[in-house]
Every structure is written in C-alpha cells, then in structure tokens.
Amino acid sequence: TRSNFQRTRRTMSKKACCGSSDAAPACKKQKSENGNGVASTGNGDAMTIDSVKDYYGKVLGNSKDLKTSACTAAGKPSHTVLEIIKKIPREVNDKFYGCGAPLPLGVEGLKFLDLGSGSGRDCYVAAALVGEKGSVTGIDMTAEQLKVARDHADNFCTKTLGYKKSNLNFIEGYIEKLADAGVEAESMDLVISNCVVNLSPDKPSVINEVYRALKPGGEFYFSDVYCDRRLPKHVQEHQVLWGECIAGALYVNDFIRYAKAAGFEDPRILMQSPIEVEDPELKAIVGEAKFMSITYRLFKLPGQLESLCEDYGQAVKYKGTIKGHESAYRLDDGHLFEAGKLALVCGNSAAMLGEGGVSWLAKHFEIIGDRSVHYGEFPCHGPPATAPSAAAPAACAPGGSCC
C-alpha cells in the first residue's frame, strides 16, 4: 500500500495543503465510506482503513506532503486560536492535516471530543480554550499520530498553560465505534472534527455515534470535504484520492439526510470554500465533480428543532460575553448577532441560542418570547450549499431546513 502511494505522489501537484502557522491547515487523519448509497472502496472497509493508516502514519512526513487543495485552509482561525497555535509544539503542528478551523470560542469548562485527532493540534487548542476545569479527548486509529499527540500533552498543559495537571487525553479507536473506545452516552458538550468524516467507511454510524455521545444542548462543530454529486466507483476506489480527502467526499444532500436521520434536524453552514484538484491526472479522474470544504454546526436539541423554520415572534439579544466575539457572534452564514441588538429569529435559531437554557450557548444570549403563538413559516433564504458564497442575508442558514 505504501509503495502505491509513493509512486502516485510523484505525479501530484506540489501545492502544499496547509500553508503557514497563521492559516488553518487541512485534510487530516483517518477515514473512508461504505454501502449506504454514497461511497464504497469496493475493496472492503479494512483495506481502506489500513490504507488511510499507512498514508497518514507513514507516507506523509508533514502537512506539506499533501497533494490537493482539499488540504488547504477553509478559513483563517480567530486571533485567539492563532495565538494558541503559536505555542503548540512544532511536531504537533507539522503533522497536522485539516481542512478548516472547527474551534468555537466561549467554551470554558466544557468537555470536548475530537474525532480523528491525529497529531492533536485541535485538541491542544481546545485544551487552552476550555481551561483547567474543562477536558479534551482525542480519538484516532493511527498509532504514529497518537504517539506524537501524547508525547507533548503533559508538558503543554502543565508548563505552557500552567495547569496543575493535563486536561488532555488521547485514546485509540474508531470514530464509527465511539462506545467501544469508552466514550459514554451524553458525556460531551462539543464534538469537533477536521476533515475526518469523509475518510470513514461508515459515515452514518459516525454521525449517529456523535449524536449519542453529545449531551442535550451539545453540538457537532466540524469541517469536512463535500461534493456536488455522488462520486462514481472509480473515483471512490482511488487510493491517493482517499488519502487526499477527495474520494470519500459526501454528496451534500446525502450528508443532510444522514444528519437529520441521526437527530440533527437543522444542519447549519458556518462557512464554505471551493477545493481545487489541480493535478491533471487526478482532475481527469474526478471529471466535472465540484468539491468544497464546509464547516457545519449540528445541535442536539431533542424536541426543540423542527423540519422547517417556524415563526413564533421570538427575538434574541447577544450579550457580548464570548471572548474574541465581544462585538458580534456568528451562528451561521445567515446569522450575525451584534451585541445588545435585538434580532428576530425562527424557533430553531432560538433553540440553538439558548431557548429553555438547553444549548451550550444559552448563557451568552437572552431569548425573548416563547412558542405559545405561531405566526406561520419564518421567511428563510440564502445561497445553496453546493456553491461557495459571500455572507448570506439575514435569515436562516442554507444546508438544512432553512434554505
């Protein structure tokens, strides 16, 4: 497997996937897909998993070895995150492969889980964001990556961050089987993932397991690679395109179906950007398929989210209490809430921001009104999820029921 990767690597584009330390790197850690009508390697899940382990554990020396812009920053991290990244050990940063910056702020004291944590960069950042009273667990199937993550964890937490003890924990396991790895039901406030789900051989199981692991009011906040169509078999079976996070890219609408089936009723897009396949050989293989990096927000709010956005006359006011977002807070690409300013929202947005005190964001927002009176469907609009766009007009975000 390794020799196949190495031979093909010589023909790929030389564009590095993740730039410098002041940009969010890209395509990351473990993954593939199977027979739920989307992507299958045709060679069995075990072969795909072994290939990905080999690619990320042995073939790639560092992030500059990635060969497509699937591994290019989807968006620049916040100043707060960038400052933390500068303090992270060089080896951890060098072996990071991700496609976005799925790291929310305002998370002090919360419990994080990072799927396919790889070298641990996002976990290290999260360890600083949650503080000494919070905790961060990373799960990965690649022994080489786990060793890098573990080697520096204690020193980073106790020496760099000044904690009495480490709040970082790295476990070996599969993201489709979180329970087998010891992740208990309703134990996590936030689950993050950075260009990992696309590499799973069973994406619906990943999404279902995340929903199980989250507490009510918790959130799956993650970046990944998506496609504007279901990819043909010859693309799905291309080993290098698997390692580069292209062959396992989910058709956007299939992802939305999986998310809603798991219980995440209203997926919201935070940001998206196009992915270019520049190498002529690989471009010929993928044909006219269009790829994009999307950061999604999926809230676990049982009984609070509806299949469409409904109008109950509710409004919200952001308190300006999230450090790094004092002047305004962006829920998604259709909602930017200025501190102290009332904004009309649908029932789903009110729930995500704290209606009933369930969401992890509740302490940062004041919710005005309840659902005692219904005024019909809330006017929702925005750009389609299959084409990158500028900030959407004020309304509900595309990608879920608000579109």
Protein backbone atom coordinates (compact mmCIF):
# COMPACT_ATOMS: atom_id res chain seq x y z
CA THR A 1 0.00 0.00 0.00
CA ARG A 2 2.74 2.44 0.94
CA SER A 3 4.64 1.90 -2.29
CA ASN A 4 1.48 2.53 -4.32
CA PHE A 5 1.00 5.85 -2.55
CA GLN A 6 4.63 6.81 -3.02
CA ARG A 7 4.64 6.09 -6.76
CA THR A 8 1.46 8.11 -7.31
CA ARG A 9 2.63 11.02 -5.14
CA ARG A 10 5.31 11.90 -7.70
CA THR A 11 2.63 12.88 -10.25
CA MET A 12 0.60 15.14 -7.93
CA SER A 13 0.50 18.91 -7.62
CA LYS A 14 3.23 20.39 -5.42
CA LYS A 15 0.87 22.86 -3.77
CA ALA A 16 1.11 22.47 0.00
CA CYS A 17 -2.10 21.79 1.79
CA CYS A 18 -1.80 23.99 4.74
CA GLY A 19 0.42 26.99 4.41
CA SER A 20 1.98 28.62 7.44
CA SER A 21 1.11 28.61 11.10
CA ASP A 22 -1.16 31.63 10.71
CA ALA A 23 -3.57 29.74 8.45
CA ALA A 24 -5.82 26.82 9.26
CA PRO A 25 -4.31 23.70 7.70
CA ALA A 26 -6.28 20.96 6.14
CA CYS A 27 -7.12 17.34 5.30
CA LYS A 28 -6.40 15.22 8.40
CA LYS A 29 -6.41 11.86 9.91
CA GLN A 30 -8.44 8.68 9.49
CA LYS A 31 -11.31 7.67 7.18
CA SER A 32 -13.32 6.06 4.15
CA GLU A 33 -17.01 5.01 3.37
CA ASN A 34 -19.42 2.16 2.55
CA GLY A 35 -22.63 0.95 1.10
CA ASN A 36 -25.23 3.47 2.16
CA GLY A 37 -25.74 4.75 -1.35
CA VAL A 38 -22.75 7.09 -1.23
CA ALA A 39 -19.17 5.85 -1.35
CA SER A 40 -17.52 2.45 -1.07
CA THR A 41 -13.98 1.42 -1.78
CA GLY A 42 -15.10 -1.87 -3.29
CA ASN A 43 -12.09 -3.48 -1.59
CA GLY A 44 -13.59 -3.67 1.87
CA ASP A 45 -13.54 -1.31 4.82
CA ALA A 46 -10.49 -2.97 6.36
CA MET A 47 -8.34 -2.28 3.29
CA THR A 48 -9.48 1.33 3.18
CA ILE A 49 -8.75 1.85 6.87
CA ASP A 50 -5.32 0.23 6.50
CA SER A 51 -4.56 2.44 3.50
CA VAL A 52 -5.50 5.58 5.40
CA LYS A 53 -3.48 4.49 8.43
CA ASP A 54 -0.49 3.96 6.17
CA TYR A 55 -0.93 7.27 4.34
CA TYR A 56 -1.25 9.41 7.47
CA GLY A 57 1.03 7.33 9.68
CA LYS A 58 3.91 6.53 7.30
CA VAL A 59 3.69 8.14 3.85
CA LEU A 60 3.07 11.75 4.89
CA GLY A 61 6.05 13.28 6.64
CA ASN A 62 4.26 16.55 7.35
CA SER A 63 1.39 18.68 6.09
CA LYS A 64 3.40 19.94 3.09
CA ASP A 65 3.31 16.42 1.58
CA LEU A 66 -0.42 16.67 0.89
CA LYS A 67 -1.15 17.00 -2.81
CA THR A 68 -4.51 18.68 -3.39
CA SER A 69 -6.15 21.82 -2.09
CA ALA A 70 -8.62 19.65 -0.20
CA CYS A 71 -5.91 20.21 2.33
CA THR A 72 -5.94 23.98 2.08
CA ALA A 73 -7.28 26.28 4.74
CA ALA A 74 -11.04 26.72 4.51
CA GLY A 75 -10.90 29.84 6.63
CA LYS A 76 -8.45 31.69 8.84
CA PRO A 77 -8.80 30.86 12.55
CA SER A 78 -9.65 33.57 15.05
CA HIS A 79 -6.87 35.65 16.59
CA THR A 80 -7.37 33.77 19.87
CA VAL A 81 -6.82 30.40 18.17
CA LEU A 82 -3.83 31.66 16.18
CA GLU A 83 -2.10 32.82 19.35
CA ILE A 84 -2.59 29.38 20.93
CA ILE A 85 -1.30 27.60 17.80
CA LYS A 86 1.97 29.55 18.11
CA LYS A 87 2.56 27.92 21.49
CA ILE A 88 1.92 24.35 20.36
CA PRO A 89 4.99 22.09 19.90
CA ARG A 90 6.36 22.16 16.37
CA GLU A 91 5.99 18.42 15.77
CA VAL A 92 2.28 18.58 16.59
CA ASN A 93 1.74 21.47 14.15
CA ASP A 94 3.89 19.91 11.41
CA LYS A 95 1.91 16.66 11.41
CA PHE A 96 -1.49 18.31 11.42
CA TYR A 97 -3.70 17.74 8.35
CA GLY A 98 -7.08 19.50 8.42
CA CYS A 99 -9.46 21.42 6.13
CA GLY A 100 -10.85 24.14 8.38
CA ALA A 101 -10.78 25.63 11.86
CA PRO A 102 -13.60 23.92 13.77
CA LEU A 103 -12.79 25.55 17.10
CA PRO A 104 -15.57 27.57 18.72
CA LEU A 105 -14.85 30.18 21.38
CA GLY A 106 -16.71 30.74 24.65
CA VAL A 107 -16.28 27.12 25.72
CA GLU A 108 -14.71 27.49 29.17
CA GLY A 109 -15.33 24.47 31.40
CA LEU A 110 -16.82 22.30 28.65
CA LYS A 111 -15.97 18.74 27.60
CA PHE A 112 -14.62 18.29 24.05
CA LEU A 113 -14.21 15.23 21.85
CA ASP A 114 -12.10 15.46 18.67
CA LEU A 115 -12.79 12.78 16.02
CA GLY A 116 -9.67 11.58 14.22
CA SER A 117 -7.50 13.84 16.33
CA GLY A 118 -4.28 12.92 14.52
CA SER A 119 -1.25 14.75 15.91
CA GLY A 120 -3.58 16.53 18.33
CA ARG A 121 -3.31 20.14 17.17
CA ASP A 122 -7.01 20.93 17.53
CA CYS A 123 -7.06 19.15 20.90
CA TYR A 124 -4.16 21.26 22.13
CA VAL A 125 -6.00 24.42 21.09
CA ALA A 126 -9.21 23.18 22.73
CA ALA A 127 -7.29 22.38 25.94
CA ALA A 128 -6.40 26.07 26.19
CA LEU A 129 -9.92 27.24 25.28
CA VAL A 130 -11.78 25.11 27.84
CA GLY A 131 -9.41 26.00 30.66
CA GLU A 132 -8.31 23.90 33.58
CA LYS A 133 -11.89 22.97 34.51
CA GLY A 134 -12.69 21.63 31.05
CA SER A 135 -11.41 18.49 29.36
CA VAL A 136 -10.48 17.36 25.87
CA THR A 137 -10.38 13.83 24.46
CA GLY A 138 -8.94 12.96 21.08
CA ILE A 139 -9.68 9.66 19.34
CA ASP A 140 -7.62 8.32 16.45
CA MET A 141 -6.81 4.94 14.90
CA THR A 142 -3.25 5.79 13.79
CA ALA A 143 -0.56 4.75 16.28
CA GLU A 144 2.09 7.08 14.83
CA GLN A 145 -0.17 10.12 15.15
CA LEU A 146 -1.29 9.20 18.66
CA LYS A 147 2.33 8.95 19.78
CA VAL A 148 3.00 12.50 18.61
CA ALA A 149 -0.13 13.78 20.37
CA ARG A 150 0.68 12.02 23.65
CA ASP A 151 4.38 12.84 23.73
CA HIS A 152 3.81 16.57 24.26
CA ALA A 153 0.45 16.70 26.09
CA ASP A 154 1.52 16.79 29.73
CA ASN A 155 4.27 19.34 29.17
CA PHE A 156 1.98 21.60 27.12
CA CYS A 157 -0.75 21.60 29.76
CA THR A 158 1.41 21.95 32.86
CA LYS A 159 4.29 24.06 31.56
CA THR A 160 2.84 26.09 28.67
CA LEU A 161 -0.69 26.54 30.03
CA GLY A 162 0.26 26.40 33.71
CA TYR A 163 -2.37 23.83 34.71
CA LYS A 164 -1.88 21.64 37.78
CA LYS A 165 -2.44 18.58 35.60
CA SER A 166 -3.17 17.78 31.98
CA ASN A 167 -6.73 18.10 30.72
CA LEU A 168 -5.80 16.24 27.51
CA ASN A 169 -6.50 12.56 26.86
CA PHE A 170 -5.85 10.60 23.67
CA ILE A 171 -7.48 7.24 23.01
CA GLU A 172 -7.07 4.71 20.23
CA GLY A 173 -10.22 3.68 18.44
CA TYR A 174 -12.57 4.15 15.51
CA ILE A 175 -14.89 7.10 15.07
CA GLU A 176 -17.67 4.75 13.93
CA LYS A 177 -17.44 2.92 17.28
CA LEU A 178 -17.04 5.55 19.96
CA ALA A 179 -18.76 3.38 22.56
CA ASP A 180 -16.17 0.63 22.05
CA ALA A 181 -13.45 3.21 22.74
CA GLY A 182 -15.09 4.14 26.05
CA VAL A 183 -16.95 7.31 25.03
CA GLU A 184 -20.12 7.26 27.11
CA ALA A 185 -23.57 8.42 26.02
CA GLU A 186 -24.38 12.10 26.69
CA SER A 187 -20.87 12.73 28.02
CA MET A 188 -19.67 15.51 25.70
CA ASP A 189 -20.64 19.17 25.31
CA LEU A 190 -18.91 19.59 21.95
CA VAL A 191 -17.63 17.19 19.32
CA ILE A 192 -15.22 18.61 16.75
CA SER A 193 -13.70 17.07 13.65
CA ASN A 194 -11.36 18.40 10.99
CA CYS A 195 -11.52 16.74 7.58
CA VAL A 196 -12.05 13.27 9.04
CA VAL A 197 -15.62 12.09 8.48
CA ASN A 198 -15.04 11.87 4.71
CA LEU A 199 -12.48 9.12 5.35
CA SER A 200 -14.83 6.91 7.34
CA PRO A 201 -16.07 3.65 5.81
CA ASP A 202 -19.45 4.21 7.52
CA LYS A 203 -20.43 7.86 7.73
CA PRO A 204 -23.97 7.34 9.06
CA SER A 205 -22.53 5.41 12.02
CA VAL A 206 -20.13 8.27 12.75
CA ILE A 207 -22.95 10.80 12.81
CA ASN A 208 -25.16 8.51 14.92
CA GLU A 209 -22.34 7.95 17.40
CA VAL A 210 -21.71 11.67 17.71
CA TYR A 211 -25.38 12.24 18.48
CA ARG A 212 -25.24 9.50 21.14
CA ALA A 213 -22.10 10.97 22.74
CA LEU A 214 -23.41 14.55 22.94
CA LYS A 215 -25.31 15.90 25.91
CA PRO A 216 -28.66 17.56 25.14
CA GLY A 217 -27.73 21.09 24.10
CA GLY A 218 -24.39 19.92 22.78
CA GLU A 219 -23.05 20.46 19.29
CA PHE A 220 -21.15 18.75 16.50
CA TYR A 221 -18.99 21.61 15.15
CA PHE A 222 -16.82 20.37 12.28
CA SER A 223 -15.17 20.96 8.92
CA ASP A 224 -15.07 18.43 6.10
CA VAL A 225 -14.95 17.90 2.34
CA TYR A 226 -18.18 17.63 0.34
CA CYS A 227 -19.14 17.17 -3.29
CA ASP A 228 -21.94 18.39 -5.55
CA ARG A 229 -22.75 14.81 -6.61
CA ARG A 230 -22.32 11.14 -5.66
CA LEU A 231 -18.92 10.05 -6.88
CA PRO A 232 -18.57 7.11 -9.29
CA LYS A 233 -16.89 3.88 -8.23
CA HIS A 234 -13.56 4.50 -9.99
CA VAL A 235 -13.13 7.73 -8.01
CA GLN A 236 -14.14 6.09 -4.75
CA GLU A 237 -11.55 3.35 -5.25
CA HIS A 238 -8.59 5.65 -5.99
CA GLN A 239 -6.22 5.27 -3.04
CA VAL A 240 -4.44 8.61 -3.27
CA LEU A 241 -7.74 10.47 -3.67
CA TRP A 242 -8.88 8.71 -0.48
CA GLY A 243 -5.80 9.87 1.38
CA GLU A 244 -6.26 13.37 -0.01
CA CYS A 245 -9.86 13.54 1.32
CA ILE A 246 -11.43 13.64 -2.15
CA ALA A 247 -12.69 10.11 -2.91
CA GLY A 248 -14.69 9.93 0.32
CA ALA A 249 -16.32 13.34 -0.05
CA LEU A 250 -20.03 13.12 0.71
CA TYR A 251 -22.66 14.47 -1.64
CA VAL A 252 -24.04 17.44 0.32
CA ASN A 253 -27.66 16.29 0.21
CA ASP A 254 -26.72 12.80 1.41
CA PHE A 255 -24.95 14.35 4.38
CA ILE A 256 -28.06 16.37 5.25
CA ARG A 257 -30.16 13.20 5.06
CA TYR A 258 -27.77 11.34 7.37
CA ALA A 259 -27.65 14.23 9.84
CA LYS A 260 -31.43 14.53 10.06
CA ALA A 261 -31.84 10.76 10.41
CA ALA A 262 -29.47 10.82 13.38
CA GLY A 263 -31.47 13.58 15.10
CA PHE A 264 -29.65 16.71 13.94
CA GLU A 265 -32.78 18.25 12.45
CA ASP A 266 -31.44 21.58 11.16
CA PRO A 267 -27.80 21.49 9.90
CA ARG A 268 -26.31 24.97 9.64
CA ILE A 269 -23.39 26.07 7.46
CA LEU A 270 -20.91 28.39 9.14
CA MET A 271 -18.52 28.79 6.20
CA GLN A 272 -17.58 27.13 2.93
CA SER A 273 -14.88 27.43 0.29
CA PRO A 274 -14.06 25.67 -3.00
CA ILE A 275 -11.47 22.91 -3.32
CA GLU A 276 -9.37 22.66 -6.46
CA VAL A 277 -7.93 19.44 -7.87
CA GLU A 278 -5.00 20.87 -9.80
CA ASP A 279 -3.05 17.80 -10.83
CA PRO A 280 -4.06 16.95 -14.47
CA GLU A 281 -4.11 13.18 -13.84
CA LEU A 282 -6.35 13.47 -10.80
CA LYS A 283 -8.53 16.11 -12.44
CA ALA A 284 -9.22 13.70 -15.30
CA ILE A 285 -10.28 11.06 -12.77
CA VAL A 286 -12.78 13.26 -10.89
CA GLY A 287 -14.22 14.81 -14.06
CA GLU A 288 -16.73 17.61 -13.55
CA ALA A 289 -17.35 16.90 -9.87
CA LYS A 290 -17.05 20.04 -7.73
CA PHE A 291 -15.64 19.82 -4.20
CA MET A 292 -15.89 22.19 -1.26
CA SER A 293 -14.80 22.47 2.34
CA ILE A 294 -17.75 23.23 4.62
CA THR A 295 -17.88 23.92 8.35
CA TYR A 296 -21.21 22.65 9.68
CA ARG A 297 -22.90 23.18 13.04
CA LEU A 298 -25.24 20.40 14.21
CA PHE A 299 -27.07 20.93 17.51
CA LYS A 300 -28.51 18.14 19.64
CA LEU A 301 -31.77 19.66 20.86
CA PRO A 302 -34.34 16.86 21.22
CA GLY A 303 -37.91 18.11 20.83
CA GLN A 304 -36.84 21.69 20.06
CA LEU A 305 -35.88 21.63 16.38
CA GLU A 306 -38.44 21.39 13.60
CA SER A 307 -38.08 20.25 9.99
CA LEU A 308 -38.87 23.79 8.77
CA CYS A 309 -38.18 27.19 10.31
CA GLU A 310 -41.29 28.45 12.07
CA ASP A 311 -42.19 31.93 13.28
CA TYR A 312 -43.20 32.33 16.94
CA GLY A 313 -42.44 36.03 17.16
CA GLN A 314 -39.23 35.36 19.06
CA ALA A 315 -36.16 37.56 19.26
CA VAL A 316 -32.68 37.18 20.70
CA LYS A 317 -30.09 39.55 22.12
CA TYR A 318 -26.41 38.67 22.20
CA LYS A 319 -24.77 39.65 25.50
CA GLY A 320 -21.29 40.15 24.04
CA THR A 321 -19.83 37.74 26.59
CA ILE A 322 -17.76 35.46 24.36
CA LYS A 323 -14.12 36.49 24.47
CA GLY A 324 -12.95 37.08 20.92
CA HIS A 325 -16.51 37.80 19.77
CA GLU A 326 -17.34 40.75 22.02
CA SER A 327 -18.94 42.91 19.33
CA ALA A 328 -20.88 40.23 17.44
CA TYR A 329 -21.41 36.47 17.22
CA ARG A 330 -21.97 34.46 14.05
CA LEU A 331 -24.26 31.44 14.42
CA ASP A 332 -24.03 30.55 10.73
CA ASP A 333 -23.58 32.19 7.35
CA GLY A 334 -27.02 33.76 7.60
CA HIS A 335 -26.99 34.98 11.21
CA LEU A 336 -24.66 37.58 12.67
CA PHE A 337 -25.85 38.91 16.04
CA GLU A 338 -24.50 42.26 17.18
CA ALA A 339 -24.07 42.65 20.90
CA GLY A 340 -27.03 44.37 22.58
CA LYS A 341 -29.18 44.44 19.43
CA LEU A 342 -32.49 42.57 19.22
CA ALA A 343 -32.89 40.28 16.20
CA LEU A 344 -35.95 38.32 15.08
CA VAL A 345 -35.31 34.59 14.70
CA CYS A 346 -37.15 31.39 13.91
CA GLY A 347 -37.87 28.83 16.61
CA ASN A 348 -34.91 26.66 15.60
CA SER A 349 -32.43 29.53 15.92
CA ALA A 350 -33.91 30.50 19.28
CA ALA A 351 -33.36 26.92 20.46
CA MET A 352 -29.76 26.83 19.24
CA LEU A 353 -29.00 30.08 21.03
CA GLY A 354 -30.49 29.05 24.34
CA GLU A 355 -34.29 28.82 24.49
CA GLY A 356 -35.12 26.90 27.66
CA GLY A 357 -31.49 27.03 28.80
CA VAL A 358 -30.62 23.78 26.99
CA SER A 359 -27.99 24.84 24.42
CA TRP A 360 -24.39 25.32 25.50
CA LEU A 361 -24.73 28.87 24.13
CA ALA A 362 -27.60 29.76 26.49
CA LYS A 363 -25.56 31.83 28.93
CA HIS A 364 -24.45 34.16 26.13
CA PHE A 365 -27.91 35.05 24.78
CA GLU A 366 -31.19 36.48 26.03
CA ILE A 367 -34.22 34.85 24.42
CA ILE A 368 -37.36 36.97 24.19
CA GLY A 369 -40.70 35.26 23.68
CA ASP A 370 -41.86 31.66 23.66
CA ARG A 371 -43.75 29.33 21.33
CA SER A 372 -47.23 29.93 22.65
CA VAL A 373 -48.34 31.69 19.44
CA HIS A 374 -47.44 30.56 15.93
CA TYR A 375 -47.28 33.07 13.08
CA GLY A 376 -46.56 30.69 10.20
CA GLU A 377 -43.35 29.80 8.46
CA PHE A 378 -40.35 32.01 9.16
CA PRO A 379 -39.04 33.70 5.98
CA CYS A 380 -35.84 31.82 5.22
CA HIS A 381 -33.49 32.39 2.34
CA GLY A 382 -29.82 32.03 1.47
CA PRO A 383 -27.39 30.61 -1.09
CA PRO A 384 -27.33 26.88 -1.92
CA ALA A 385 -24.96 24.61 -0.06
CA THR A 386 -23.39 23.41 -3.31
CA ALA A 387 -21.82 26.74 -4.27
CA PRO A 388 -19.47 28.86 -2.13
CA SER A 389 -20.86 32.29 -1.42
CA ALA A 390 -20.34 35.52 0.43
CA ALA A 391 -22.16 36.19 3.66
CA ALA A 392 -25.85 35.46 3.27
CA PRO A 393 -28.62 37.94 4.00
CA ALA A 394 -30.13 37.94 7.47
CA ALA A 395 -32.30 34.85 7.65
CA CYS A 396 -31.83 31.21 8.38
CA ALA A 397 -28.79 29.46 7.01
CA PRO A 398 -28.70 27.17 4.00
CA GLY A 399 -27.92 23.49 4.25
CA GLY A 400 -30.74 22.31 6.47
CA SER A 401 -34.38 23.25 6.83
CA CYS A 402 -33.57 26.95 6.38
CA CYS A 403 -32.80 27.28 2.71
